[in-house]
C-alpha atoms as a PDB file:
ATOM      1  CA  MET A   1       0.000   0.000   0.000  1.00  0.00           C
ATOM      2  CA  LEU A   2       2.854   2.349   0.841  1.00  0.00           C
ATOM      3  CA  ALA A   3       4.430   1.787  -2.582  1.00  0.00           C
ATOM      4  CA  GLY A   4       1.073   2.665  -4.175  1.00  0.00           C
ATOM      5  CA  PHE A   5       0.814   5.804  -2.076  1.00  0.00           C
ATOM      6  CA  GLU A   6       4.316   6.748  -3.197  1.00  0.00           C
ATOM      7  CA  HIS A   7       3.371   6.077  -6.854  1.00  0.00           C
ATOM      8  CA  ASN A   8       6.044   3.394  -7.127  1.00  0.00           C
ATOM      9  CA  PRO A   9       4.653   0.816  -9.603  1.00  0.00           C
ATOM     10  CA  ASP A  10       7.728  -1.433  -9.413  1.00  0.00           C
ATOM     11  CA  GLY A  11       7.501  -1.434  -5.624  1.00  0.00           C
ATOM     12  CA  VAL A  12       3.783  -2.256  -5.740  1.00  0.00           C
ATOM     13  CA  ILE A  13       4.302  -5.224  -8.055  1.00  0.00           C
ATOM     14  CA  THR A  14       7.227  -6.557  -6.015  1.00  0.00           C
ATOM     15  CA  ALA A  15       5.392  -6.106  -2.703  1.00  0.00           C
ATOM     16  CA  LEU A  16       2.194  -7.740  -3.950  1.00  0.00           C
ATOM     17  CA  LYS A  17       4.078 -10.705  -5.415  1.00  0.00           C
ATOM     18  CA  THR A  18       5.856 -11.167  -2.095  1.00  0.00           C
ATOM     19  CA  ALA A  19       2.609 -10.832  -0.158  1.00  0.00           C
ATOM     20  CA  ILE A  20       0.908 -13.462  -2.336  1.00  0.00           C
ATOM     21  CA  ARG A  21       3.864 -15.827  -1.885  1.00  0.00           C
ATOM     22  CA  CYS A  22       3.585 -15.256   1.878  1.00  0.00           C
ATOM     23  CA  GLY A  23      -0.135 -16.011   1.979  1.00  0.00           C
ATOM     24  CA  LEU A  24      -2.140 -12.987   0.843  1.00  0.00           C
ATOM     25  CA  ARG A  25      -5.408 -14.385  -0.489  1.00  0.00           C
ATOM     26  CA  ASP A  26      -7.786 -11.432  -0.305  1.00  0.00           C
ATOM     27  CA  PRO A  27      -8.669 -10.364  -3.857  1.00  0.00           C
ATOM     28  CA  GLN A  28     -10.085  -7.084  -2.548  1.00  0.00           C
ATOM     29  CA  VAL A  29      -6.574  -5.879  -1.721  1.00  0.00           C
ATOM     30  CA  VAL A  30      -5.747  -5.425  -5.408  1.00  0.00           C
ATOM     31  CA  ASP A  31      -9.033  -3.544  -5.886  1.00  0.00           C
ATOM     32  CA  ASP A  32      -8.001  -0.866  -3.393  1.00  0.00           C
ATOM     33  CA  PRO A  33      -8.260   2.653  -4.879  1.00  0.00           C
ATOM     34  CA  ILE A  34      -4.585   3.252  -4.025  1.00  0.00           C
ATOM     35  CA  PHE A  35      -3.745   1.059  -7.024  1.00  0.00           C
ATOM     36  CA  GLU A  36      -5.976   2.966  -9.471  1.00  0.00           C
ATOM     37  CA  ASP A  37      -2.995   4.193 -11.500  1.00  0.00           C
ATOM     38  CA  LEU A  38      -1.898   0.585 -12.089  1.00  0.00           C
ATOM     39  CA  ARG A  39      -5.204  -0.755 -13.467  1.00  0.00           C
ATOM     40  CA  GLY A  40      -3.875  -0.717 -17.044  1.00  0.00           C
ATOM     41  CA  ASP A  41      -0.353  -1.925 -16.220  1.00  0.00           C
ATOM     42  CA  PRO A  42       0.131  -5.372 -17.828  1.00  0.00           C
ATOM     43  CA  ARG A  43       2.157  -6.535 -14.805  1.00  0.00           C
ATOM     44  CA  PHE A  44      -0.660  -5.569 -12.438  1.00  0.00           C
ATOM     45  CA  ILE A  45      -3.266  -7.227 -14.650  1.00  0.00           C
ATOM     46  CA  ALA A  46      -1.152 -10.404 -14.785  1.00  0.00           C
ATOM     47  CA  LEU A  47      -0.723 -10.323 -11.016  1.00  0.00           C
ATOM     48  CA  LYS A  48      -4.507 -10.049 -10.511  1.00  0.00           C
ATOM     49  CA  ASP A  49      -5.037 -12.920 -12.965  1.00  0.00           C
ATOM     50  CA  ASP A  50      -2.454 -15.044 -11.138  1.00  0.00           C
ATOM     51  CA  LEU A  51      -4.168 -14.340  -7.815  1.00  0.00           C
ATOM     52  CA  ASP A  52      -7.570 -15.258  -9.269  1.00  0.00           C
ATOM     53  CA  GLU A  53      -6.131 -18.516 -10.630  1.00  0.00           C
ATOM     54  CA  LEU A  54      -4.459 -19.332  -7.317  1.00  0.00           C
ATOM     55  CA  LEU A  55      -7.716 -18.710  -5.457  1.00  0.00           C
ATOM     56  CA  ALA A  56      -9.641 -20.944  -7.874  1.00  0.00           C
ATOM     57  CA  VAL A  57      -7.125 -23.779  -7.465  1.00  0.00           C
ATOM     58  CA  GLU A  58      -7.164 -23.482  -3.689  1.00  0.00           C
ATOM     59  CA  HIS A  59     -10.970 -23.341  -3.659  1.00  0.00           C
ATOM     60  CA  ASP A  60     -11.095 -26.578  -5.661  1.00  0.00           C
ATOM     61  CA  LEU A  61      -8.642 -28.196  -3.235  1.00  0.00           C
ATOM     62  CA  VAL A  62     -10.787 -27.192  -0.267  1.00  0.00           C
ATOM     63  CA  LEU A  63     -13.885 -28.619  -1.950  1.00  0.00           C
ATOM     64  CA  GLN A  64     -12.007 -31.868  -2.617  1.00  0.00           C
ATOM     65  CA  LEU A  65     -11.033 -32.071   1.009  1.00  0.00           C
ATOM     66  CA  MET A  66     -14.510 -31.294   2.305  1.00  0.00           C
ATOM     67  CA  CYS A  67     -16.411 -33.487  -0.128  1.00  0.00           C
ATOM     68  CA  PHE A  68     -14.148 -36.528  -0.406  1.00  0.00           C
ATOM     69  CA  ASN A  69     -11.697 -36.518   2.512  1.00  0.00           C
ATOM     70  CA  ASN A  70     -13.669 -34.759   5.218  1.00  0.00           C
ATOM     71  CA  PRO A  71     -11.148 -33.981   7.991  1.00  0.00           C
ATOM     72  CA  VAL A  72     -13.776 -32.822  10.492  1.00  0.00           C
ATOM     73  CA  PRO A  73     -14.338 -35.312  13.278  1.00  0.00           C
ATOM     74  CA  HIS A  74     -17.677 -36.804  14.208  1.00  0.00           C
ATOM     75  CA  ASP A  75     -20.745 -36.499  12.053  1.00  0.00           C
ATOM     76  CA  TRP A  76     -20.265 -33.150  10.324  1.00  0.00           C
ATOM     77  CA  GLN A  77     -20.802 -33.241   6.578  1.00  0.00           C
ATOM     78  CA  PRO A  78     -20.894 -30.408   4.061  1.00  0.00           C
ATOM     79  CA  LEU A  79     -24.271 -29.421   2.712  1.00  0.00           C
ATOM     80  CA  PRO A  80     -25.240 -31.575  -0.278  1.00  0.00           C
ATOM     81  CA  GLU A  81     -25.364 -28.541  -2.576  1.00  0.00           C
ATOM     82  CA  THR A  82     -21.757 -27.729  -1.662  1.00  0.00           C
ATOM     83  CA  CYS A  83     -20.565 -30.947  -3.280  1.00  0.00           C
ATOM     84  CA  GLU A  84     -23.224 -31.133  -6.007  1.00  0.00           C
ATOM     85  CA  GLU A  85     -20.934 -30.385  -8.960  1.00  0.00           C
ATOM     86  CA  VAL A  86     -17.641 -31.427  -7.396  1.00  0.00           C
ATOM     87  CA  THR A  87     -16.005 -34.431  -8.997  1.00  0.00           C
ATOM     88  CA  GLU A  88     -13.313 -36.341  -7.179  1.00  0.00           C
ATOM     89  CA  GLN A  89      -9.801 -35.577  -8.386  1.00  0.00           C
ATOM     90  CA  GLN A  90      -6.890 -37.904  -7.836  1.00  0.00           C
ATOM     91  CA  THR A  91      -4.220 -36.110  -5.863  1.00  0.00           C
ATOM     92  CA  HIS A  92      -0.716 -37.386  -5.294  1.00  0.00           C
END
């Protein structure tokens, strides 16, 4: 955010890449108005696309876990509609 405030596009890209590698998963962060000047920057667009793809992959992994390898003890099960269109993937 500081790099965006300072109008430092290289710093923004580097900081966001580092944050994503360290666990940032909130897509609203990249929608912050502080990054308005970067909306057309191909690096920023690619970074947003990479984050969206990462979130989709992780979402699918969570659904796999919930629907086919439920780690929650006792009788908890996900709602049927949660797993309605989920097909089991072989993971190694």
